[in-house]
Amino acid sequence: MSLFSIFSKRKVHLEIHDHVIRYVDAKQPSLQSIKAAGEKHLPPGMIKGGKIADRDQLSIILDQCVDEWKIKRRPVQFLVPDGVVVVRQVEIERDIPDDEVKGHLYLKIGTDIHLPFEDPVIDWVPFTTNPEADGRKVLIFAAPEHVVADYAALFGEVKLTPVAADLSALALYRFWHALGRSRATEHVLCLQCNGQTVNASIFHGHQLIFSRHMTLDLDPRQWQVQTDELGHLRYAWTGDRGTLEEAWQNALAELERIMNFYRFTMNQGQGVTRFLIAGDSPYQGRLARDLESSFEWPVEILDNADCVTTTGEAVPPCFYTLLGLVLKEVN
């Protein structure tokens, strides 16, 4: 199964985290065609680290969502859970035709390409390469085939047809770029804070360069979920504040290591020049303040895109990554 499949019908768009399922329904790949958006909280234990843990209960919940959202028998694009995705730069021979690259990459697994799991599903995109170099670089996206297949089978059980998948980092950047806020010259560290995870991705020249997924060492049962007056989910930490503080400090330390690795190992001394924060974490503001106090570069919280449905309802910021998936054109 390819991470980037082909289909032509109108699609619904799904995002599944350990703690929530979200959907966006759109008539076409345009921010002006959003018909509806919705979400459903998942109890702890349904999904762990992006992998389905309680299939029976998850199937029941997803089936209820499909009925409630009126999306049965629709083709679906979905975001592969960040926790199972590996992103790598790989150099291949320059004369390999594009239609043979994927097969060539599979042959290199285990020898030149080392992944933290067996039996991967792989896709790739071209990467900016020095035209005078002997080879060319490509960016590969890999995930365990059984995990992607589990989600595809789950969608089939609830009368959805999986037709394409994407990475959340690519979808978020696609949305931000559509807003006209991205700059090719900047080195942007995108921080997607969802539940108790942080997905850190660096973009330059409108290309994904690096990605790292982090899980905060917190008990998922200590998050309280509430529904506001508009029916949107809100999360709050109810556990020990010292535990939460330690988890955030560890995450900040890891982010600094990521930035140093990018600057000195990958990029000849050129480091991150902007931070972009998105997601559903109630502590995005806290993260932004910490970054502003520790680094000199501008910090943007992506929470003010003013997106609305075709009926005039505001689309909350936690759906912005899915709006980027809407913009993915699959011919």
C-alpha atoms as a PDB file:
ATOM      1  CA  MET A   1       0.000   0.000   0.000  1.00  0.00           C
ATOM      2  CA  SER A   2       1.361   3.447  -0.886  1.00  0.00           C
ATOM      3  CA  LEU A   3       1.221   6.361   1.517  1.00  0.00           C
ATOM      4  CA  PHE A   4       0.143   8.457  -1.456  1.00  0.00           C
ATOM      5  CA  SER A   5      -2.567   6.653  -3.407  1.00  0.00           C
ATOM      6  CA  ILE A   6      -4.673   7.923  -6.264  1.00  0.00           C
ATOM      7  CA  PHE A   7      -8.425   8.499  -6.389  1.00  0.00           C
ATOM      8  CA  SER A   8     -10.725  10.962  -8.037  1.00  0.00           C
ATOM      9  CA  LYS A   9     -13.983  11.209  -6.048  1.00  0.00           C
ATOM     10  CA  ARG A  10     -14.888  13.811  -3.444  1.00  0.00           C
ATOM     11  CA  LYS A  11     -13.255  12.880  -0.147  1.00  0.00           C
ATOM     12  CA  VAL A  12     -13.626  13.208   3.583  1.00  0.00           C
ATOM     13  CA  HIS A  13     -10.485  13.858   5.630  1.00  0.00           C
ATOM     14  CA  LEU A  14      -9.580  12.113   8.906  1.00  0.00           C
ATOM     15  CA  GLU A  15      -6.992  12.618  11.628  1.00  0.00           C
ATOM     16  CA  ILE A  16      -6.644  10.092  14.441  1.00  0.00           C
ATOM     17  CA  HIS A  17      -4.523  10.685  17.552  1.00  0.00           C
ATOM     18  CA  ASP A  18      -4.256   8.606  20.712  1.00  0.00           C
ATOM     19  CA  HIS A  19      -6.860  10.895  22.317  1.00  0.00           C
ATOM     20  CA  VAL A  20      -9.142  12.113  19.516  1.00  0.00           C
ATOM     21  CA  ILE A  21     -10.637  11.521  16.055  1.00  0.00           C
ATOM     22  CA  ARG A  22     -11.215  14.557  13.834  1.00  0.00           C
ATOM     23  CA  TYR A  23     -12.801  14.954  10.417  1.00  0.00           C
ATOM     24  CA  VAL A  24     -13.269  17.675   7.824  1.00  0.00           C
ATOM     25  CA  ASP A  25     -15.730  17.430   4.949  1.00  0.00           C
ATOM     26  CA  ALA A  26     -14.968  19.572   1.901  1.00  0.00           C
ATOM     27  CA  LYS A  27     -16.440  19.765  -1.579  1.00  0.00           C
ATOM     28  CA  GLN A  28     -13.060  20.327  -3.227  1.00  0.00           C
ATOM     29  CA  PRO A  29      -9.425  21.084  -2.276  1.00  0.00           C
ATOM     30  CA  SER A  30     -10.111  24.668  -1.256  1.00  0.00           C
ATOM     31  CA  LEU A  31     -10.374  26.540   2.050  1.00  0.00           C
ATOM     32  CA  GLN A  32     -13.597  28.092   0.734  1.00  0.00           C
ATOM     33  CA  SER A  33     -15.318  24.704   0.347  1.00  0.00           C
ATOM     34  CA  ILE A  34     -15.322  23.416   3.942  1.00  0.00           C
ATOM     35  CA  LYS A  35     -18.757  21.946   4.633  1.00  0.00           C
ATOM     36  CA  ALA A  36     -18.258  20.659   8.183  1.00  0.00           C
ATOM     37  CA  ALA A  37     -15.735  19.656  10.826  1.00  0.00           C
ATOM     38  CA  GLY A  38     -16.084  17.553  13.947  1.00  0.00           C
ATOM     39  CA  GLU A  39     -14.222  15.618  16.602  1.00  0.00           C
ATOM     40  CA  LYS A  40     -14.699  12.765  19.065  1.00  0.00           C
ATOM     41  CA  HIS A  41     -12.660  12.205  22.204  1.00  0.00           C
ATOM     42  CA  LEU A  42     -11.079   8.763  22.606  1.00  0.00           C
ATOM     43  CA  PRO A  43     -10.699   7.202  26.065  1.00  0.00           C
ATOM     44  CA  PRO A  44      -7.119   6.240  27.018  1.00  0.00           C
ATOM     45  CA  GLY A  45      -6.077   2.858  25.654  1.00  0.00           C
ATOM     46  CA  MET A  46      -7.889   2.891  22.297  1.00  0.00           C
ATOM     47  CA  ILE A  47      -4.700   3.896  20.486  1.00  0.00           C
ATOM     48  CA  LYS A  48      -1.191   3.843  21.950  1.00  0.00           C
ATOM     49  CA  GLY A  49       1.688   5.587  20.248  1.00  0.00           C
ATOM     50  CA  GLY A  50      -0.295   5.815  17.019  1.00  0.00           C
ATOM     51  CA  LYS A  51      -0.971   2.062  16.935  1.00  0.00           C
ATOM     52  CA  ILE A  52      -4.449   0.580  17.341  1.00  0.00           C
ATOM     53  CA  ALA A  53      -4.615  -1.126  20.742  1.00  0.00           C
ATOM     54  CA  ASP A  54      -8.341  -1.844  21.270  1.00  0.00           C
ATOM     55  CA  ARG A  55      -9.657  -2.511  17.796  1.00  0.00           C
ATOM     56  CA  ASP A  56     -13.149  -3.601  18.787  1.00  0.00           C
ATOM     57  CA  GLN A  57     -13.926  -0.512  20.858  1.00  0.00           C
ATOM     58  CA  LEU A  58     -12.256   1.812  18.362  1.00  0.00           C
ATOM     59  CA  SER A  59     -14.330   0.307  15.563  1.00  0.00           C
ATOM     60  CA  ILE A  60     -17.526   0.914  17.551  1.00  0.00           C
ATOM     61  CA  ILE A  61     -16.604   4.549  18.240  1.00  0.00           C
ATOM     62  CA  LEU A  62     -15.540   5.225  14.653  1.00  0.00           C
ATOM     63  CA  ASP A  63     -18.729   3.606  13.330  1.00  0.00           C
ATOM     64  CA  GLN A  64     -20.769   5.952  15.546  1.00  0.00           C
ATOM     65  CA  CYS A  65     -18.784   8.909  14.223  1.00  0.00           C
ATOM     66  CA  VAL A  66     -19.381   7.851  10.611  1.00  0.00           C
ATOM     67  CA  ASP A  67     -23.130   7.750  11.242  1.00  0.00           C
ATOM     68  CA  GLU A  68     -23.194  11.015  13.196  1.00  0.00           C
ATOM     69  CA  TRP A  69     -21.073  12.858  10.647  1.00  0.00           C
ATOM     70  CA  LYS A  70     -22.998  11.317   7.707  1.00  0.00           C
ATOM     71  CA  ILE A  71     -19.875  10.243   5.835  1.00  0.00           C
ATOM     72  CA  LYS A  72     -20.629   6.556   5.234  1.00  0.00           C
ATOM     73  CA  ARG A  73     -19.407   5.092   1.917  1.00  0.00           C
ATOM     74  CA  ARG A  74     -17.177   8.069   1.266  1.00  0.00           C
ATOM     75  CA  PRO A  75     -13.555   7.901   0.096  1.00  0.00           C
ATOM     76  CA  VAL A  76     -11.233   9.073   2.852  1.00  0.00           C
ATOM     77  CA  GLN A  77      -7.839  10.723   3.019  1.00  0.00           C
ATOM     78  CA  PHE A  78      -6.159  10.262   6.382  1.00  0.00           C
ATOM     79  CA  LEU A  79      -3.056  11.383   8.239  1.00  0.00           C
ATOM     80  CA  VAL A  80      -0.656   8.610   9.185  1.00  0.00           C
ATOM     81  CA  PRO A  81      -0.037   8.869  12.963  1.00  0.00           C
ATOM     82  CA  ASP A  82       3.158  10.823  13.613  1.00  0.00           C
ATOM     83  CA  GLY A  83       4.469   8.317  16.129  1.00  0.00           C
ATOM     84  CA  VAL A  84       4.957   5.596  13.498  1.00  0.00           C
ATOM     85  CA  VAL A  85       6.444   7.694  10.675  1.00  0.00           C
ATOM     86  CA  VAL A  86      10.151   7.948   9.832  1.00  0.00           C
ATOM     87  CA  VAL A  87      11.461  10.694   7.527  1.00  0.00           C
ATOM     88  CA  ARG A  88      14.903  10.302   5.942  1.00  0.00           C
ATOM     89  CA  GLN A  89      17.033  11.933   3.269  1.00  0.00           C
ATOM     90  CA  VAL A  90      18.511   9.312   0.938  1.00  0.00           C
ATOM     91  CA  GLU A  91      20.939   9.703  -1.949  1.00  0.00           C
ATOM     92  CA  ILE A  92      20.346   7.618  -5.059  1.00  0.00           C
ATOM     93  CA  GLU A  93      21.891   7.422  -8.503  1.00  0.00           C
ATOM     94  CA  ARG A  94      20.934  10.348 -10.700  1.00  0.00           C
ATOM     95  CA  ASP A  95      19.981   8.255 -13.726  1.00  0.00           C
ATOM     96  CA  ILE A  96      17.217   6.224 -11.992  1.00  0.00           C
ATOM     97  CA  PRO A  97      13.870   7.111 -13.653  1.00  0.00           C
ATOM     98  CA  ASP A  98      11.189   8.453 -11.310  1.00  0.00           C
ATOM     99  CA  ASP A  99       8.901   5.489 -11.914  1.00  0.00           C
ATOM    100  CA  GLU A 100      11.664   3.137 -10.690  1.00  0.00           C
ATOM    101  CA  VAL A 101      12.723   5.094  -7.596  1.00  0.00           C
ATOM    102  CA  LYS A 102      10.331   3.422  -5.173  1.00  0.00           C
ATOM    103  CA  GLY A 103      11.385  -0.073  -6.177  1.00  0.00           C
ATOM    104  CA  HIS A 104      15.025   0.976  -5.896  1.00  0.00           C
ATOM    105  CA  LEU A 105      14.434   2.320  -2.389  1.00  0.00           C
ATOM    106  CA  TYR A 106      12.839  -0.940  -1.270  1.00  0.00           C
ATOM    107  CA  LEU A 107      15.928  -2.805  -2.475  1.00  0.00           C
ATOM    108  CA  LYS A 108      18.155  -0.555  -0.344  1.00  0.00           C
ATOM    109  CA  ILE A 109      16.262  -1.255   2.896  1.00  0.00           C
ATOM    110  CA  GLY A 110      18.471  -3.082   5.352  1.00  0.00           C
ATOM    111  CA  THR A 111      21.685  -2.207   3.536  1.00  0.00           C
ATOM    112  CA  ASP A 112      21.869   1.513   2.760  1.00  0.00           C
ATOM    113  CA  ILE A 113      18.539   2.462   4.366  1.00  0.00           C
ATOM    114  CA  HIS A 114      18.081   1.417   7.993  1.00  0.00           C
ATOM    115  CA  LEU A 115      14.663   1.759   9.611  1.00  0.00           C
ATOM    116  CA  PRO A 116      13.535   1.011  13.189  1.00  0.00           C
ATOM    117  CA  PHE A 117      10.959  -1.514  11.953  1.00  0.00           C
ATOM    118  CA  GLU A 118      10.591  -4.277   9.386  1.00  0.00           C
ATOM    119  CA  ASP A 119       8.228  -4.511   6.417  1.00  0.00           C
ATOM    120  CA  PRO A 120       7.781  -0.769   5.809  1.00  0.00           C
ATOM    121  CA  VAL A 121       5.533   1.009   3.373  1.00  0.00           C
ATOM    122  CA  ILE A 122       7.513   3.760   1.657  1.00  0.00           C
ATOM    123  CA  ASP A 123       6.875   6.812  -0.438  1.00  0.00           C
ATOM    124  CA  TRP A 124       9.198   9.556  -1.600  1.00  0.00           C
ATOM    125  CA  VAL A 125       9.419  13.067  -2.997  1.00  0.00           C
ATOM    126  CA  PRO A 126      12.268  14.774  -4.873  1.00  0.00           C
ATOM    127  CA  PHE A 127      14.702  16.799  -2.817  1.00  0.00           C
ATOM    128  CA  THR A 128      16.760  19.807  -3.848  1.00  0.00           C
ATOM    129  CA  THR A 129      20.096  18.471  -5.098  1.00  0.00           C
ATOM    130  CA  ASN A 130      23.280  20.059  -6.368  1.00  0.00           C
ATOM    131  CA  PRO A 131      23.039  19.656 -10.168  1.00  0.00           C
ATOM    132  CA  GLU A 132      26.789  18.961 -10.285  1.00  0.00           C
ATOM    133  CA  ALA A 133      26.592  16.066  -7.812  1.00  0.00           C
ATOM    134  CA  ASP A 134      26.915  12.486  -9.028  1.00  0.00           C
ATOM    135  CA  GLY A 135      23.710  11.405  -7.294  1.00  0.00           C
ATOM    136  CA  ARG A 136      20.459  13.047  -6.273  1.00  0.00           C
ATOM    137  CA  LYS A 137      18.709  13.241  -2.932  1.00  0.00           C
ATOM    138  CA  VAL A 138      15.160  12.136  -2.254  1.00  0.00           C
ATOM    139  CA  LEU A 139      13.119  12.407   0.923  1.00  0.00           C
ATOM    140  CA  ILE A 140      11.522   9.148   1.981  1.00  0.00           C
ATOM    141  CA  PHE A 141       8.546   8.635   4.290  1.00  0.00           C
ATOM    142  CA  ALA A 142       8.283   5.208   5.883  1.00  0.00           C
ATOM    143  CA  ALA A 143       5.833   3.570   8.271  1.00  0.00           C
ATOM    144  CA  PRO A 144       5.215  -0.031   9.366  1.00  0.00           C
ATOM    145  CA  GLU A 145       3.034  -1.612   6.711  1.00  0.00           C
ATOM    146  CA  HIS A 146       0.898  -3.453   9.278  1.00  0.00           C
ATOM    147  CA  VAL A 147       0.034  -0.195  11.073  1.00  0.00           C
ATOM    148  CA  VAL A 148      -1.089   1.557   7.887  1.00  0.00           C
ATOM    149  CA  ALA A 149      -2.939  -1.596   6.819  1.00  0.00           C
ATOM    150  CA  ASP A 150      -4.683  -1.770  10.231  1.00  0.00           C
ATOM    151  CA  TYR A 151      -6.109   1.710   9.735  1.00  0.00           C
ATOM    152  CA  ALA A 152      -7.106   0.966   6.149  1.00  0.00           C
ATOM    153  CA  ALA A 153      -8.921  -2.188   7.280  1.00  0.00           C
ATOM    154  CA  LEU A 154     -10.602  -0.296  10.143  1.00  0.00           C
ATOM    155  CA  PHE A 155     -11.922   2.299   7.705  1.00  0.00           C
ATOM    156  CA  GLY A 156     -13.251  -0.478   5.509  1.00  0.00           C
ATOM    157  CA  GLU A 157     -15.119  -2.003   8.446  1.00  0.00           C
ATOM    158  CA  VAL A 158     -17.050   1.238   8.991  1.00  0.00           C
ATOM    159  CA  LYS A 159     -17.872   1.659   5.294  1.00  0.00           C
ATOM    160  CA  LEU A 160     -15.173   4.170   4.410  1.00  0.00           C
ATOM    161  CA  THR A 161     -12.802   3.709   1.476  1.00  0.00           C
ATOM    162  CA  PRO A 162      -9.194   4.731   2.217  1.00  0.00           C
ATOM    163  CA  VAL A 163      -7.727   6.270  -0.916  1.00  0.00           C
ATOM    164  CA  ALA A 164      -4.776   8.420   0.140  1.00  0.00           C
ATOM    165  CA  ALA A 165      -2.643   9.238   3.158  1.00  0.00           C
ATOM    166  CA  ASP A 166      -0.362  12.075   4.113  1.00  0.00           C
ATOM    167  CA  LEU A 167       1.977  13.249   6.856  1.00  0.00           C
ATOM    168  CA  SER A 168       0.634  15.752   9.363  1.00  0.00           C
ATOM    169  CA  ALA A 169       3.759  17.924   9.056  1.00  0.00           C
ATOM    170  CA  LEU A 170       3.276  18.261   5.300  1.00  0.00           C
ATOM    171  CA  ALA A 171      -0.418  19.014   5.749  1.00  0.00           C
ATOM    172  CA  LEU A 172       0.219  21.704   8.381  1.00  0.00           C
ATOM    173  CA  TYR A 173       2.870  23.429   6.275  1.00  0.00           C
ATOM    174  CA  ARG A 174       0.617  23.214   3.197  1.00  0.00           C
ATOM    175  CA  PHE A 175      -2.091  25.062   5.138  1.00  0.00           C
ATOM    176  CA  TRP A 176       0.327  27.692   6.464  1.00  0.00           C
ATOM    177  CA  HIS A 177       1.726  28.198   2.953  1.00  0.00           C
ATOM    178  CA  ALA A 178      -1.803  28.648   1.585  1.00  0.00           C
ATOM    179  CA  LEU A 179      -2.276  31.490   4.073  1.00  0.00           C
ATOM    180  CA  GLY A 180       0.652  33.272   2.428  1.00  0.00           C
ATOM    181  CA  ARG A 181       2.771  33.282   5.578  1.00  0.00           C
ATOM    182  CA  SER A 182       5.633  30.971   4.582  1.00  0.00           C
ATOM    183  CA  ARG A 183       8.950  32.175   3.161  1.00  0.00           C
ATOM    184  CA  ALA A 184      11.298  29.944   1.197  1.00  0.00           C
ATOM    185  CA  THR A 185      14.347  31.616   2.754  1.00  0.00           C
ATOM    186  CA  GLU A 186      13.346  30.780   6.329  1.00  0.00           C
ATOM    187  CA  HIS A 187      14.227  27.681   8.325  1.00  0.00           C
ATOM    188  CA  VAL A 188      10.933  26.964  10.100  1.00  0.00           C
ATOM    189  CA  LEU A 189      10.589  24.615  13.051  1.00  0.00           C
ATOM    190  CA  CYS A 190       6.945  23.469  13.123  1.00  0.00           C
ATOM    191  CA  LEU A 191       5.810  22.202  16.520  1.00  0.00           C
ATOM    192  CA  GLN A 192       2.552  20.255  16.506  1.00  0.00           C
ATOM    193  CA  CYS A 193       1.417  19.919  20.101  1.00  0.00           C
ATOM    194  CA  ASN A 194      -1.428  17.417  20.402  1.00  0.00           C
ATOM    195  CA  GLY A 195      -2.424  15.725  23.631  1.00  0.00           C
ATOM    196  CA  GLN A 196       0.858  14.762  25.213  1.00  0.00           C
ATOM    197  CA  THR A 197       2.955  14.588  22.060  1.00  0.00           C
ATOM    198  CA  VAL A 198       5.078  17.105  20.178  1.00  0.00           C
ATOM    199  CA  ASN A 199       5.928  16.549  16.523  1.00  0.00           C
ATOM    200  CA  ALA A 200       8.912  18.691  15.506  1.00  0.00           C
ATOM    201  CA  SER A 201       9.514  19.249  11.785  1.00  0.00           C
ATOM    202  CA  ILE A 202      11.911  21.618  10.031  1.00  0.00           C
ATOM    203  CA  PHE A 203      11.135  23.132   6.620  1.00  0.00           C
ATOM    204  CA  HIS A 204      13.357  25.159   4.314  1.00  0.00           C
ATOM    205  CA  GLY A 205      12.693  26.194   0.740  1.00  0.00           C
ATOM    206  CA  HIS A 206       9.120  24.891   1.256  1.00  0.00           C
ATOM    207  CA  GLN A 207      10.578  21.386   1.681  1.00  0.00           C
ATOM    208  CA  LEU A 208      10.446  19.110   4.706  1.00  0.00           C
ATOM    209  CA  ILE A 209      14.034  18.601   5.863  1.00  0.00           C
ATOM    210  CA  PHE A 210      13.785  16.851   9.223  1.00  0.00           C
ATOM    211  CA  SER A 211      11.136  15.392  11.541  1.00  0.00           C
ATOM    212  CA  ARG A 212      11.173  14.023  15.091  1.00  0.00           C
ATOM    213  CA  HIS A 213       8.252  12.824  17.208  1.00  0.00           C
ATOM    214  CA  MET A 214       8.291  13.203  20.993  1.00  0.00           C
ATOM    215  CA  THR A 215       5.952  11.848  23.648  1.00  0.00           C
ATOM    216  CA  LEU A 216       5.744  13.659  26.975  1.00  0.00           C
ATOM    217  CA  ASP A 217       6.155  11.367  29.987  1.00  0.00           C
ATOM    218  CA  LEU A 218       2.663  11.976  31.351  1.00  0.00           C
ATOM    219  CA  ASP A 219      -0.217   9.740  32.404  1.00  0.00           C
ATOM    220  CA  PRO A 220      -2.928  10.115  29.703  1.00  0.00           C
ATOM    221  CA  ARG A 221      -5.577   9.467  32.346  1.00  0.00           C
ATOM    222  CA  GLN A 222      -4.674  12.774  34.024  1.00  0.00           C
ATOM    223  CA  TRP A 223      -6.027  14.861  31.146  1.00  0.00           C
ATOM    224  CA  GLN A 224      -9.542  16.223  31.642  1.00  0.00           C
ATOM    225  CA  VAL A 225     -11.645  16.795  28.547  1.00  0.00           C
ATOM    226  CA  GLN A 226     -14.484  19.292  28.458  1.00  0.00           C
ATOM    227  CA  THR A 227     -16.852  20.547  25.771  1.00  0.00           C
ATOM    228  CA  ASP A 228     -17.220  24.298  25.374  1.00  0.00           C
ATOM    229  CA  GLU A 229     -20.383  26.193  24.445  1.00  0.00           C
ATOM    230  CA  LEU A 230     -19.703  25.600  20.736  1.00  0.00           C
ATOM    231  CA  GLY A 231     -19.263  21.852  21.186  1.00  0.00           C
ATOM    232  CA  HIS A 232     -15.472  21.893  20.783  1.00  0.00           C
ATOM    233  CA  LEU A 233     -13.196  19.760  22.961  1.00  0.00           C
ATOM    234  CA  ARG A 234     -10.869  21.426  25.467  1.00  0.00           C
ATOM    235  CA  TYR A 235      -8.146  19.672  27.437  1.00  0.00           C
ATOM    236  CA  ALA A 236      -6.673  20.463  30.872  1.00  0.00           C
ATOM    237  CA  TRP A 237      -4.030  18.703  32.966  1.00  0.00           C
ATOM    238  CA  THR A 238      -5.370  17.541  36.332  1.00  0.00           C
ATOM    239  CA  GLY A 239      -2.263  15.747  37.588  1.00  0.00           C
ATOM    240  CA  ASP A 240       0.755  16.956  39.528  1.00  0.00           C
ATOM    241  CA  ARG A 241       2.016  20.316  38.233  1.00  0.00           C
ATOM    242  CA  GLY A 242       5.601  19.355  38.956  1.00  0.00           C
ATOM    243  CA  THR A 243       5.271  16.321  36.688  1.00  0.00           C
ATOM    244  CA  LEU A 244       3.897  18.490  33.890  1.00  0.00           C
ATOM    245  CA  GLU A 245       6.693  21.039  34.355  1.00  0.00           C
ATOM    246  CA  GLU A 246       9.356  18.338  34.211  1.00  0.00           C
ATOM    247  CA  ALA A 247       7.842  16.904  31.033  1.00  0.00           C
ATOM    248  CA  TRP A 248       7.866  20.317  29.327  1.00  0.00           C
ATOM    249  CA  GLN A 249      11.449  21.012  30.399  1.00  0.00           C
ATOM    250  CA  ASN A 250      12.522  17.663  28.958  1.00  0.00           C
ATOM    251  CA  ALA A 251      10.722  18.512  25.717  1.00  0.00           C
ATOM    252  CA  LEU A 252      12.438  21.908  25.523  1.00  0.00           C
ATOM    253  CA  ALA A 253      15.825  20.262  26.078  1.00  0.00           C
ATOM    254  CA  GLU A 254      15.106  17.804  23.261  1.00  0.00           C
ATOM    255  CA  LEU A 255      14.041  20.660  20.979  1.00  0.00           C
ATOM    256  CA  GLU A 256      17.359  22.403  21.647  1.00  0.00           C
ATOM    257  CA  ARG A 257      19.219  19.202  20.745  1.00  0.00           C
ATOM    258  CA  ILE A 258      17.193  18.952  17.529  1.00  0.00           C
ATOM    259  CA  MET A 259      18.012  22.537  16.616  1.00  0.00           C
ATOM    260  CA  ASN A 260      21.727  22.025  17.284  1.00  0.00           C
ATOM    261  CA  PHE A 261      21.744  18.839  15.220  1.00  0.00           C
ATOM    262  CA  TYR A 262      20.048  20.614  12.334  1.00  0.00           C
ATOM    263  CA  ARG A 263      22.358  23.605  12.507  1.00  0.00           C
ATOM    264  CA  PHE A 264      25.734  21.951  12.974  1.00  0.00           C
ATOM    265  CA  THR A 265      25.302  18.456  11.512  1.00  0.00           C
ATOM    266  CA  MET A 266      22.832  18.942   8.683  1.00  0.00           C
ATOM    267  CA  ASN A 267      23.107  22.561   7.617  1.00  0.00           C
ATOM    268  CA  GLN A 268      26.657  23.940   7.847  1.00  0.00           C
ATOM    269  CA  GLY A 269      25.935  26.343  10.701  1.00  0.00           C
ATOM    270  CA  GLN A 270      22.608  27.749   9.475  1.00  0.00           C
ATOM    271  CA  GLY A 271      19.954  27.167  12.097  1.00  0.00           C
ATOM    272  CA  VAL A 272      16.238  27.623  12.668  1.00  0.00           C
ATOM    273  CA  THR A 273      14.961  31.161  12.023  1.00  0.00           C
ATOM    274  CA  ARG A 274      11.257  30.853  12.940  1.00  0.00           C
ATOM    275  CA  PHE A 275       8.976  28.754  15.139  1.00  0.00           C
ATOM    276  CA  LEU A 276       5.429  27.747  14.211  1.00  0.00           C
ATOM    277  CA  ILE A 277       3.193  26.220  16.913  1.00  0.00           C
ATOM    278  CA  ALA A 278      -0.081  24.403  16.228  1.00  0.00           C
ATOM    279  CA  GLY A 279      -2.285  21.674  17.686  1.00  0.00           C
ATOM    280  CA  ASP A 280      -4.783  21.197  20.511  1.00  0.00           C
ATOM    281  CA  SER A 281      -2.526  21.496  23.569  1.00  0.00           C
ATOM    282  CA  PRO A 282      -3.721  24.098  26.101  1.00  0.00           C
ATOM    283  CA  TYR A 283      -0.070  24.919  26.780  1.00  0.00           C
ATOM    284  CA  GLN A 284       0.897  26.328  23.385  1.00  0.00           C
ATOM    285  CA  GLY A 285       1.151  29.789  24.897  1.00  0.00           C
ATOM    286  CA  ARG A 286       3.500  28.480  27.562  1.00  0.00           C
ATOM    287  CA  LEU A 287       5.684  26.861  24.910  1.00  0.00           C
ATOM    288  CA  ALA A 288       5.739  30.071  22.885  1.00  0.00           C
ATOM    289  CA  ARG A 289       6.877  32.089  25.924  1.00  0.00           C
ATOM    290  CA  ASP A 290       9.619  29.580  26.696  1.00  0.00           C
ATOM    291  CA  LEU A 291      10.877  29.684  23.107  1.00  0.00           C
ATOM    292  CA  GLU A 292      10.794  33.492  23.022  1.00  0.00           C
ATOM    293  CA  SER A 293      12.798  33.706  26.242  1.00  0.00           C
ATOM    294  CA  SER A 294      15.382  31.160  25.097  1.00  0.00           C
ATOM    295  CA  PHE A 295      15.875  32.033  21.419  1.00  0.00           C
ATOM    296  CA  GLU A 296      15.971  35.193  19.340  1.00  0.00           C
ATOM    297  CA  TRP A 297      13.742  34.014  16.510  1.00  0.00           C
ATOM    298  CA  PRO A 298      10.052  34.909  16.038  1.00  0.00           C
ATOM    299  CA  VAL A 299       7.383  32.542  17.347  1.00  0.00           C
ATOM    300  CA  GLU A 300       3.936  32.192  15.753  1.00  0.00           C
ATOM    301  CA  ILE A 301       0.998  30.324  17.256  1.00  0.00           C
ATOM    302  CA  LEU A 302      -1.223  29.256  14.380  1.00  0.00           C
ATOM    303  CA  ASP A 303      -4.607  30.070  15.904  1.00  0.00           C
ATOM    304  CA  ASN A 304      -5.967  32.979  13.887  1.00  0.00           C
ATOM    305  CA  ALA A 305      -6.543  31.845  10.306  1.00  0.00           C
ATOM    306  CA  ASP A 306     -10.232  32.895  10.405  1.00  0.00           C
ATOM    307  CA  CYS A 307     -11.394  29.839   8.451  1.00  0.00           C
ATOM    308  CA  VAL A 308     -15.138  29.220   8.245  1.00  0.00           C
ATOM    309  CA  THR A 309     -17.428  26.586   6.787  1.00  0.00           C
ATOM    310  CA  THR A 310     -19.748  27.258   3.873  1.00  0.00           C
ATOM    311  CA  THR A 311     -22.465  27.984   6.455  1.00  0.00           C
ATOM    312  CA  GLY A 312     -20.319  30.571   8.258  1.00  0.00           C
ATOM    313  CA  GLU A 313     -19.258  28.505  11.276  1.00  0.00           C
ATOM    314  CA  ALA A 314     -15.707  29.123  12.528  1.00  0.00           C
ATOM    315  CA  VAL A 315     -13.270  26.213  12.116  1.00  0.00           C
ATOM    316  CA  PRO A 316     -11.234  25.865  15.349  1.00  0.00           C
ATOM    317  CA  PRO A 317      -7.415  25.900  15.130  1.00  0.00           C
ATOM    318  CA  CYS A 318      -7.148  22.233  16.123  1.00  0.00           C
ATOM    319  CA  PHE A 319      -8.507  21.428  12.631  1.00  0.00           C
ATOM    320  CA  TYR A 320      -5.902  23.443  10.724  1.00  0.00           C
ATOM    321  CA  THR A 321      -3.705  20.431   9.972  1.00  0.00           C
ATOM    322  CA  LEU A 322      -6.722  18.677   8.470  1.00  0.00           C
ATOM    323  CA  LEU A 323      -7.403  21.760   6.356  1.00  0.00           C
ATOM    324  CA  GLY A 324      -3.926  21.237   4.937  1.00  0.00           C
ATOM    325  CA  LEU A 325      -4.946  17.699   4.070  1.00  0.00           C
ATOM    326  CA  VAL A 326      -7.995  19.121   2.282  1.00  0.00           C
ATOM    327  CA  LEU A 327      -5.601  21.156   0.121  1.00  0.00           C
ATOM    328  CA  LYS A 328      -3.689  18.051  -0.946  1.00  0.00           C
ATOM    329  CA  GLU A 329      -4.563  17.539  -4.597  1.00  0.00           C
ATOM    330  CA  VAL A 330      -4.695  13.895  -5.632  1.00  0.00           C
ATOM    331  CA  ASN A 331      -5.272  13.526  -9.351  1.00  0.00           C
END
